Amino acid sequence: MIVISIRFIGKNTSVGNGTVLGNNVKIYGSTRIGSNGFIDNNVVIGYITQDKLLKIIRSGYAGLLDEIIDDISSGASIGNNVIIRSGTTIYEDTSIEDDVIFGHNVLIRERTVIRSRCKIGTGTVIDGNVDVGMNTIIQTYVYIPPKVRIGSNVFIAPRVVFTNDRYPPSRRIIETIIEDGVVIGANTIVTPGIVIGKEAVIAAGSVVTKSVEPYTVVAGIPAKPIMSRDEYEEKKKKYELNHIFPYR
């Protein structure tokens, strides 16, 4: 059996020693990829912003599309020991630090920073201009728009949605801050312009409309305080020791 590997590696791209590249990988611009990484099949790194895409359409560029994109992409920065699974696209002007792991079909838009040892789940969209701190876990199908700042050691469960516009669609996009050690349960909606304080916990299915004090657990629609983080940790210990099913 003959296996054909189709790739496009930009003329100014560098790939570190020991990094594995799959089939149909496209890497554009001055992208720097560290050592001992894994770039799966059908991954794109250094894709161009919409402004540059429109420039291609309007300016009548001629030639192979990969070569055109390569010429105008600023590239991305990918650290050492990074795993990027199939179907993932990472835009230009993005920085991915060491030991980050991506699921399948993740989209990371421009001007995003993901710091070391993070895990980004399958189908998650980080829509650009987002900062994610170290050791943060973002699970499957999370949506994060521009101007969200996420601290270190944060846990974000599946299908959490952040927003950045209180009166959509408006011309004012505002910031949301998630401080270190926060836990956000599945299917939570976080409205814009708030701060979720250090070590706070948001129960699954909540709608967070106001800032949350540090070390506080909130739940409901709208989310309101129900206990302290210390109480939550005590309940978690009892839960971990309870092997009765179904849980009561």
C-alpha atoms as a PDB file:
ATOM      1  CA  MET A   1       0.000   0.000   0.000  1.00  0.00           C
ATOM      2  CA  ILE A   2       1.306   3.454  -0.931  1.00  0.00           C
ATOM      3  CA  VAL A   3       0.695   6.218   1.625  1.00  0.00           C
ATOM      4  CA  ILE A   4       0.887   9.788   0.315  1.00  0.00           C
ATOM      5  CA  SER A   5       1.514  12.530   2.874  1.00  0.00           C
ATOM      6  CA  ILE A   6       0.230  15.914   1.705  1.00  0.00           C
ATOM      7  CA  ARG A   7       1.483  18.907   3.678  1.00  0.00           C
ATOM      8  CA  PHE A   8       2.189  22.592   3.247  1.00  0.00           C
ATOM      9  CA  ILE A   9       4.981  23.970   5.445  1.00  0.00           C
ATOM     10  CA  GLY A  10       5.631  27.706   5.037  1.00  0.00           C
ATOM     11  CA  LYS A  11       8.993  28.886   3.801  1.00  0.00           C
ATOM     12  CA  ASN A  12       9.620  30.806   7.033  1.00  0.00           C
ATOM     13  CA  THR A  13       8.211  28.141   9.353  1.00  0.00           C
ATOM     14  CA  SER A  14      10.442  26.236  11.775  1.00  0.00           C
ATOM     15  CA  VAL A  15       9.602  22.889  13.397  1.00  0.00           C
ATOM     16  CA  GLY A  16      11.576  21.559  16.368  1.00  0.00           C
ATOM     17  CA  ASN A  17      13.266  18.189  16.661  1.00  0.00           C
ATOM     18  CA  GLY A  18      11.065  15.211  17.404  1.00  0.00           C
ATOM     19  CA  THR A  19       7.790  16.865  16.411  1.00  0.00           C
ATOM     20  CA  VAL A  20       5.490  14.591  14.403  1.00  0.00           C
ATOM     21  CA  LEU A  21       3.506  16.074  11.498  1.00  0.00           C
ATOM     22  CA  GLY A  22       0.435  14.297  10.144  1.00  0.00           C
ATOM     23  CA  ASN A  23      -1.109  14.285   6.679  1.00  0.00           C
ATOM     24  CA  ASN A  24      -2.723  17.404   5.209  1.00  0.00           C
ATOM     25  CA  VAL A  25      -1.082  19.666   7.792  1.00  0.00           C
ATOM     26  CA  LYS A  26      -0.834  23.316   6.729  1.00  0.00           C
ATOM     27  CA  ILE A  27       1.522  25.666   8.573  1.00  0.00           C
ATOM     28  CA  TYR A  28       1.792  29.275   7.425  1.00  0.00           C
ATOM     29  CA  GLY A  29       3.962  32.337   7.942  1.00  0.00           C
ATOM     30  CA  SER A  30       6.740  32.671  10.499  1.00  0.00           C
ATOM     31  CA  THR A  31       5.261  29.969  12.713  1.00  0.00           C
ATOM     32  CA  ARG A  32       7.580  28.499  15.339  1.00  0.00           C
ATOM     33  CA  ILE A  33       6.787  24.999  16.600  1.00  0.00           C
ATOM     34  CA  GLY A  34       8.828  23.550  19.459  1.00  0.00           C
ATOM     35  CA  SER A  35      10.277  20.113  19.991  1.00  0.00           C
ATOM     36  CA  ASN A  36       8.614  16.754  20.684  1.00  0.00           C
ATOM     37  CA  GLY A  37       5.139  17.859  19.636  1.00  0.00           C
ATOM     38  CA  PHE A  38       2.366  15.991  17.861  1.00  0.00           C
ATOM     39  CA  ILE A  39       0.521  17.724  15.024  1.00  0.00           C
ATOM     40  CA  ASP A  40      -2.251  15.397  13.883  1.00  0.00           C
ATOM     41  CA  ASN A  41      -3.838  15.060  10.441  1.00  0.00           C
ATOM     42  CA  ASN A  42      -5.834  17.991   8.997  1.00  0.00           C
ATOM     43  CA  VAL A  43      -4.436  20.679  11.307  1.00  0.00           C
ATOM     44  CA  VAL A  44      -3.965  24.321  10.228  1.00  0.00           C
ATOM     45  CA  ILE A  45      -1.575  26.663  12.061  1.00  0.00           C
ATOM     46  CA  GLY A  46      -1.060  30.342  11.267  1.00  0.00           C
ATOM     47  CA  TYR A  47      -4.337  30.863   9.395  1.00  0.00           C
ATOM     48  CA  ILE A  48      -4.957  34.487   8.449  1.00  0.00           C
ATOM     49  CA  THR A  49      -7.430  36.955   9.947  1.00  0.00           C
ATOM     50  CA  GLN A  50     -10.605  38.000   8.150  1.00  0.00           C
ATOM     51  CA  ASP A  51      -9.073  41.362   7.179  1.00  0.00           C
ATOM     52  CA  LYS A  52      -6.278  39.593   5.333  1.00  0.00           C
ATOM     53  CA  LEU A  53      -8.702  37.126   3.776  1.00  0.00           C
ATOM     54  CA  LEU A  54     -10.769  40.002   2.383  1.00  0.00           C
ATOM     55  CA  LYS A  55      -7.563  41.597   1.094  1.00  0.00           C
ATOM     56  CA  ILE A  56      -6.884  38.454  -0.940  1.00  0.00           C
ATOM     57  CA  ILE A  57     -10.370  38.604  -2.459  1.00  0.00           C
ATOM     58  CA  ARG A  58     -10.283  42.328  -3.250  1.00  0.00           C
ATOM     59  CA  SER A  59      -6.716  42.580  -4.505  1.00  0.00           C
ATOM     60  CA  GLY A  60      -6.912  39.914  -7.155  1.00  0.00           C
ATOM     61  CA  TYR A  61      -4.041  37.781  -5.909  1.00  0.00           C
ATOM     62  CA  ALA A  62      -3.061  35.034  -8.325  1.00  0.00           C
ATOM     63  CA  GLY A  63      -1.353  31.743  -7.603  1.00  0.00           C
ATOM     64  CA  LEU A  64      -1.713  28.844  -5.219  1.00  0.00           C
ATOM     65  CA  LEU A  65      -3.785  29.733  -2.161  1.00  0.00           C
ATOM     66  CA  ASP A  66      -1.387  28.110   0.298  1.00  0.00           C
ATOM     67  CA  GLU A  67       1.486  30.201  -1.025  1.00  0.00           C
ATOM     68  CA  ILE A  68      -0.583  33.395  -0.895  1.00  0.00           C
ATOM     69  CA  ILE A  69      -1.606  32.765   2.724  1.00  0.00           C
ATOM     70  CA  ASP A  70       1.970  31.884   3.634  1.00  0.00           C
ATOM     71  CA  ASP A  71       3.230  35.205   2.252  1.00  0.00           C
ATOM     72  CA  ILE A  72       0.859  37.339   4.344  1.00  0.00           C
ATOM     73  CA  SER A  73       0.476  35.280   7.549  1.00  0.00           C
ATOM     74  CA  SER A  74       2.291  36.453  10.673  1.00  0.00           C
ATOM     75  CA  GLY A  75       2.423  32.887  11.892  1.00  0.00           C
ATOM     76  CA  ALA A  76       1.874  31.493  15.381  1.00  0.00           C
ATOM     77  CA  SER A  77       4.039  30.367  18.268  1.00  0.00           C
ATOM     78  CA  ILE A  78       3.677  26.770  19.474  1.00  0.00           C
ATOM     79  CA  GLY A  79       5.765  25.545  22.417  1.00  0.00           C
ATOM     80  CA  ASN A  80       7.411  22.229  23.216  1.00  0.00           C
ATOM     81  CA  ASN A  81       5.500  18.987  23.842  1.00  0.00           C
ATOM     82  CA  VAL A  82       2.246  20.369  22.433  1.00  0.00           C
ATOM     83  CA  ILE A  83      -0.394  17.889  21.202  1.00  0.00           C
ATOM     84  CA  ILE A  84      -2.785  19.224  18.529  1.00  0.00           C
ATOM     85  CA  ARG A  85      -5.381  16.695  17.414  1.00  0.00           C
ATOM     86  CA  SER A  86      -7.063  16.438  14.021  1.00  0.00           C
ATOM     87  CA  GLY A  87      -9.337  19.149  12.650  1.00  0.00           C
ATOM     88  CA  THR A  88      -7.891  21.939  14.803  1.00  0.00           C
ATOM     89  CA  THR A  89      -7.234  25.418  13.364  1.00  0.00           C
ATOM     90  CA  ILE A  90      -4.982  27.958  15.089  1.00  0.00           C
ATOM     91  CA  TYR A  91      -4.884  31.492  13.672  1.00  0.00           C
ATOM     92  CA  GLU A  92      -1.893  33.792  13.289  1.00  0.00           C
ATOM     93  CA  ASP A  93      -0.650  35.988  16.167  1.00  0.00           C
ATOM     94  CA  THR A  94      -1.501  33.251  18.657  1.00  0.00           C
ATOM     95  CA  SER A  95       0.829  31.948  21.358  1.00  0.00           C
ATOM     96  CA  ILE A  96       0.538  28.400  22.683  1.00  0.00           C
ATOM     97  CA  GLU A  97       3.040  27.637  25.441  1.00  0.00           C
ATOM     98  CA  ASP A  98       4.631  24.295  26.423  1.00  0.00           C
ATOM     99  CA  ASP A  99       2.743  21.080  27.243  1.00  0.00           C
ATOM    100  CA  VAL A 100      -0.684  22.225  26.015  1.00  0.00           C
ATOM    101  CA  ILE A 101      -3.044  19.470  24.822  1.00  0.00           C
ATOM    102  CA  PHE A 102      -5.878  20.032  22.321  1.00  0.00           C
ATOM    103  CA  GLY A 103      -8.833  17.788  21.547  1.00  0.00           C
ATOM    104  CA  HIS A 104     -10.238  17.394  18.030  1.00  0.00           C
ATOM    105  CA  ASN A 105     -11.769  20.212  15.948  1.00  0.00           C
ATOM    106  CA  VAL A 106     -10.708  23.083  18.204  1.00  0.00           C
ATOM    107  CA  LEU A 107     -10.706  26.652  16.826  1.00  0.00           C
ATOM    108  CA  ILE A 108      -8.303  29.244  18.266  1.00  0.00           C
ATOM    109  CA  ARG A 109      -8.607  32.720  16.739  1.00  0.00           C
ATOM    110  CA  GLU A 110      -5.965  35.469  16.577  1.00  0.00           C
ATOM    111  CA  ARG A 111      -4.292  37.243  19.536  1.00  0.00           C
ATOM    112  CA  THR A 112      -5.024  34.402  21.922  1.00  0.00           C
ATOM    113  CA  VAL A 113      -2.496  33.315  24.549  1.00  0.00           C
ATOM    114  CA  ILE A 114      -2.758  29.839  26.085  1.00  0.00           C
ATOM    115  CA  ARG A 115      -0.187  29.297  28.792  1.00  0.00           C
ATOM    116  CA  SER A 116       1.612  26.105  29.718  1.00  0.00           C
ATOM    117  CA  ARG A 117      -0.004  22.802  30.697  1.00  0.00           C
ATOM    118  CA  CYS A 118      -3.542  23.728  29.657  1.00  0.00           C
ATOM    119  CA  LYS A 119      -6.023  21.250  28.169  1.00  0.00           C
ATOM    120  CA  ILE A 120      -8.523  22.428  25.545  1.00  0.00           C
ATOM    121  CA  GLY A 121     -11.418  20.063  24.843  1.00  0.00           C
ATOM    122  CA  THR A 122     -12.866  18.860  21.556  1.00  0.00           C
ATOM    123  CA  GLY A 123     -15.041  21.317  19.637  1.00  0.00           C
ATOM    124  CA  THR A 124     -14.114  24.305  21.812  1.00  0.00           C
ATOM    125  CA  VAL A 125     -14.009  27.747  20.166  1.00  0.00           C
ATOM    126  CA  ILE A 126     -11.763  30.487  21.552  1.00  0.00           C
ATOM    127  CA  ASP A 127     -12.760  33.414  19.388  1.00  0.00           C
ATOM    128  CA  GLY A 128      -9.627  35.563  19.652  1.00  0.00           C
ATOM    129  CA  ASN A 129      -8.100  38.125  22.010  1.00  0.00           C
ATOM    130  CA  VAL A 130      -8.412  35.715  24.963  1.00  0.00           C
ATOM    131  CA  ASP A 131      -5.840  35.004  27.684  1.00  0.00           C
ATOM    132  CA  VAL A 132      -5.795  31.605  29.431  1.00  0.00           C
ATOM    133  CA  GLY A 133      -3.583  30.988  32.480  1.00  0.00           C
ATOM    134  CA  MET A 134      -1.442  27.964  33.316  1.00  0.00           C
ATOM    135  CA  ASN A 135      -2.857  24.529  34.173  1.00  0.00           C
ATOM    136  CA  THR A 136      -6.374  25.501  33.133  1.00  0.00           C
ATOM    137  CA  ILE A 137      -8.745  22.821  31.822  1.00  0.00           C
ATOM    138  CA  ILE A 138     -11.378  23.852  29.267  1.00  0.00           C
ATOM    139  CA  GLN A 139     -13.579  20.892  28.389  1.00  0.00           C
ATOM    140  CA  THR A 140     -15.683  19.961  25.358  1.00  0.00           C
ATOM    141  CA  TYR A 141     -17.696  22.523  23.334  1.00  0.00           C
ATOM    142  CA  VAL A 142     -16.925  25.599  25.412  1.00  0.00           C
ATOM    143  CA  TYR A 143     -17.370  29.000  23.705  1.00  0.00           C
ATOM    144  CA  ILE A 144     -15.099  31.898  24.723  1.00  0.00           C
ATOM    145  CA  PRO A 145     -15.428  35.238  22.872  1.00  0.00           C
ATOM    146  CA  PRO A 146     -12.925  38.123  22.753  1.00  0.00           C
ATOM    147  CA  LYS A 147     -12.001  40.003  25.944  1.00  0.00           C
ATOM    148  CA  VAL A 148     -12.326  37.078  28.339  1.00  0.00           C
ATOM    149  CA  ARG A 149      -9.402  36.725  30.761  1.00  0.00           C
ATOM    150  CA  ILE A 150      -9.059  33.334  32.448  1.00  0.00           C
ATOM    151  CA  GLY A 151      -6.632  32.710  35.313  1.00  0.00           C
ATOM    152  CA  SER A 152      -4.524  29.694  36.254  1.00  0.00           C
ATOM    153  CA  ASN A 153      -5.809  26.362  37.588  1.00  0.00           C
ATOM    154  CA  VAL A 154      -9.340  27.067  36.365  1.00  0.00           C
ATOM    155  CA  PHE A 155     -11.739  24.225  35.494  1.00  0.00           C
ATOM    156  CA  ILE A 156     -14.421  24.892  32.875  1.00  0.00           C
ATOM    157  CA  ALA A 157     -16.857  22.032  32.273  1.00  0.00           C
ATOM    158  CA  PRO A 158     -18.508  21.128  28.927  1.00  0.00           C
ATOM    159  CA  ARG A 159     -20.743  23.553  27.023  1.00  0.00           C
ATOM    160  CA  VAL A 160     -20.052  26.605  29.133  1.00  0.00           C
ATOM    161  CA  VAL A 161     -20.787  29.807  27.192  1.00  0.00           C
ATOM    162  CA  PHE A 162     -19.161  33.174  27.872  1.00  0.00           C
ATOM    163  CA  THR A 163     -20.562  36.371  26.364  1.00  0.00           C
ATOM    164  CA  ASN A 164     -19.094  39.831  25.763  1.00  0.00           C
ATOM    165  CA  ASP A 165     -22.010  42.074  24.776  1.00  0.00           C
ATOM    166  CA  ARG A 166     -24.850  43.040  27.151  1.00  0.00           C
ATOM    167  CA  TYR A 167     -27.114  44.417  24.389  1.00  0.00           C
ATOM    168  CA  PRO A 168     -26.278  42.366  21.280  1.00  0.00           C
ATOM    169  CA  PRO A 169     -25.460  43.224  18.659  1.00  0.00           C
ATOM    170  CA  SER A 170     -23.937  46.463  19.959  1.00  0.00           C
ATOM    171  CA  ARG A 171     -20.709  48.321  19.195  1.00  0.00           C
ATOM    172  CA  ARG A 172     -19.400  47.841  22.738  1.00  0.00           C
ATOM    173  CA  ILE A 173     -17.599  44.630  23.645  1.00  0.00           C
ATOM    174  CA  ILE A 174     -16.664  44.353  27.324  1.00  0.00           C
ATOM    175  CA  GLU A 175     -14.258  42.277  29.370  1.00  0.00           C
ATOM    176  CA  THR A 176     -14.971  39.343  31.674  1.00  0.00           C
ATOM    177  CA  ILE A 177     -12.397  38.116  34.225  1.00  0.00           C
ATOM    178  CA  ILE A 178     -12.176  34.618  35.684  1.00  0.00           C
ATOM    179  CA  GLU A 179      -9.648  34.566  38.517  1.00  0.00           C
ATOM    180  CA  ASP A 180      -7.357  31.704  39.591  1.00  0.00           C
ATOM    181  CA  GLY A 181      -8.805  28.417  40.823  1.00  0.00           C
ATOM    182  CA  VAL A 182     -12.391  28.998  39.682  1.00  0.00           C
ATOM    183  CA  VAL A 183     -14.635  26.002  38.891  1.00  0.00           C
ATOM    184  CA  ILE A 184     -17.479  26.471  36.375  1.00  0.00           C
ATOM    185  CA  GLY A 185     -20.040  23.677  35.995  1.00  0.00           C
ATOM    186  CA  ALA A 186     -21.472  22.346  32.742  1.00  0.00           C
ATOM    187  CA  ASN A 187     -23.930  24.394  30.654  1.00  0.00           C
ATOM    188  CA  THR A 188     -23.294  27.597  32.595  1.00  0.00           C
ATOM    189  CA  ILE A 189     -23.777  30.976  30.900  1.00  0.00           C
ATOM    190  CA  VAL A 190     -21.471  33.798  32.003  1.00  0.00           C
ATOM    191  CA  THR A 191     -22.659  37.296  31.083  1.00  0.00           C
ATOM    192  CA  PRO A 192     -20.099  40.013  30.257  1.00  0.00           C
ATOM    193  CA  GLY A 193     -18.516  42.705  32.370  1.00  0.00           C
ATOM    194  CA  ILE A 194     -18.205  40.672  35.568  1.00  0.00           C
ATOM    195  CA  VAL A 195     -15.437  39.215  37.710  1.00  0.00           C
ATOM    196  CA  ILE A 196     -15.644  35.677  39.075  1.00  0.00           C
ATOM    197  CA  GLY A 197     -13.384  35.835  42.112  1.00  0.00           C
ATOM    198  CA  LYS A 198     -10.570  33.517  43.115  1.00  0.00           C
ATOM    199  CA  GLU A 199     -11.570  29.913  43.985  1.00  0.00           C
ATOM    200  CA  ALA A 200     -15.282  30.597  43.373  1.00  0.00           C
ATOM    201  CA  VAL A 201     -17.497  27.733  42.165  1.00  0.00           C
ATOM    202  CA  ILE A 202     -20.365  28.081  39.687  1.00  0.00           C
ATOM    203  CA  ALA A 203     -22.903  25.233  39.822  1.00  0.00           C
ATOM    204  CA  ALA A 204     -23.913  23.478  36.602  1.00  0.00           C
ATOM    205  CA  GLY A 205     -26.658  25.157  34.581  1.00  0.00           C
ATOM    206  CA  SER A 206     -26.283  28.557  36.244  1.00  0.00           C
ATOM    207  CA  VAL A 207     -26.638  31.953  34.587  1.00  0.00           C
ATOM    208  CA  VAL A 208     -24.088  34.321  36.111  1.00  0.00           C
ATOM    209  CA  THR A 209     -25.300  37.911  35.790  1.00  0.00           C
ATOM    210  CA  LYS A 210     -23.269  39.596  38.547  1.00  0.00           C
ATOM    211  CA  SER A 211     -19.708  39.400  39.843  1.00  0.00           C
ATOM    212  CA  VAL A 212     -19.022  36.543  42.266  1.00  0.00           C
ATOM    213  CA  GLU A 213     -17.022  37.024  45.455  1.00  0.00           C
ATOM    214  CA  PRO A 214     -13.886  34.901  45.965  1.00  0.00           C
ATOM    215  CA  TYR A 215     -14.297  31.504  47.698  1.00  0.00           C
ATOM    216  CA  THR A 216     -18.065  31.572  47.101  1.00  0.00           C
ATOM    217  CA  VAL A 217     -20.300  28.905  45.543  1.00  0.00           C
ATOM    218  CA  VAL A 218     -23.224  30.186  43.486  1.00  0.00           C
ATOM    219  CA  ALA A 219     -26.091  28.410  41.710  1.00  0.00           C
ATOM    220  CA  GLY A 220     -29.305  29.134  39.845  1.00  0.00           C
ATOM    221  CA  ILE A 221     -30.835  31.549  37.343  1.00  0.00           C
ATOM    222  CA  PRO A 222     -29.655  34.126  38.155  1.00  0.00           C
ATOM    223  CA  ALA A 223     -26.794  32.620  40.158  1.00  0.00           C
ATOM    224  CA  LYS A 224     -26.846  33.373  43.893  1.00  0.00           C
ATOM    225  CA  PRO A 225     -24.567  32.332  46.790  1.00  0.00           C
ATOM    226  CA  ILE A 226     -25.423  28.975  48.378  1.00  0.00           C
ATOM    227  CA  MET A 227     -22.277  28.099  50.380  1.00  0.00           C
ATOM    228  CA  SER A 228     -18.579  28.838  50.839  1.00  0.00           C
ATOM    229  CA  ARG A 229     -15.729  27.124  48.989  1.00  0.00           C
ATOM    230  CA  ASP A 230     -14.709  25.459  52.279  1.00  0.00           C
ATOM    231  CA  GLU A 231     -18.191  23.927  52.605  1.00  0.00           C
ATOM    232  CA  TYR A 232     -18.002  22.798  48.988  1.00  0.00           C
ATOM    233  CA  GLU A 233     -14.666  21.071  49.609  1.00  0.00           C
ATOM    234  CA  GLU A 234     -16.079  19.254  52.638  1.00  0.00           C
ATOM    235  CA  LYS A 235     -19.017  18.016  50.579  1.00  0.00           C
ATOM    236  CA  LYS A 236     -16.619  16.940  47.839  1.00  0.00           C
ATOM    237  CA  LYS A 237     -14.563  14.871  50.300  1.00  0.00           C
ATOM    238  CA  LYS A 238     -17.674  13.061  51.534  1.00  0.00           C
ATOM    239  CA  TYR A 239     -18.804  12.477  47.959  1.00  0.00           C
ATOM    240  CA  GLU A 240     -15.424  11.010  46.994  1.00  0.00           C
ATOM    241  CA  LEU A 241     -15.592   8.572  49.920  1.00  0.00           C
ATOM    242  CA  ASN A 242     -19.202   7.540  49.250  1.00  0.00           C
ATOM    243  CA  HIS A 243     -19.290   4.441  47.009  1.00  0.00           C
ATOM    244  CA  ILE A 244     -23.057   3.893  47.195  1.00  0.00           C
ATOM    245  CA  PHE A 245     -24.878   4.074  43.842  1.00  0.00           C
ATOM    246  CA  PRO A 246     -27.129   5.821  43.119  1.00  0.00           C
ATOM    247  CA  TYR A 247     -25.684   8.718  45.070  1.00  0.00           C
ATOM    248  CA  ARG A 248     -27.940  10.219  47.752  1.00  0.00           C
END
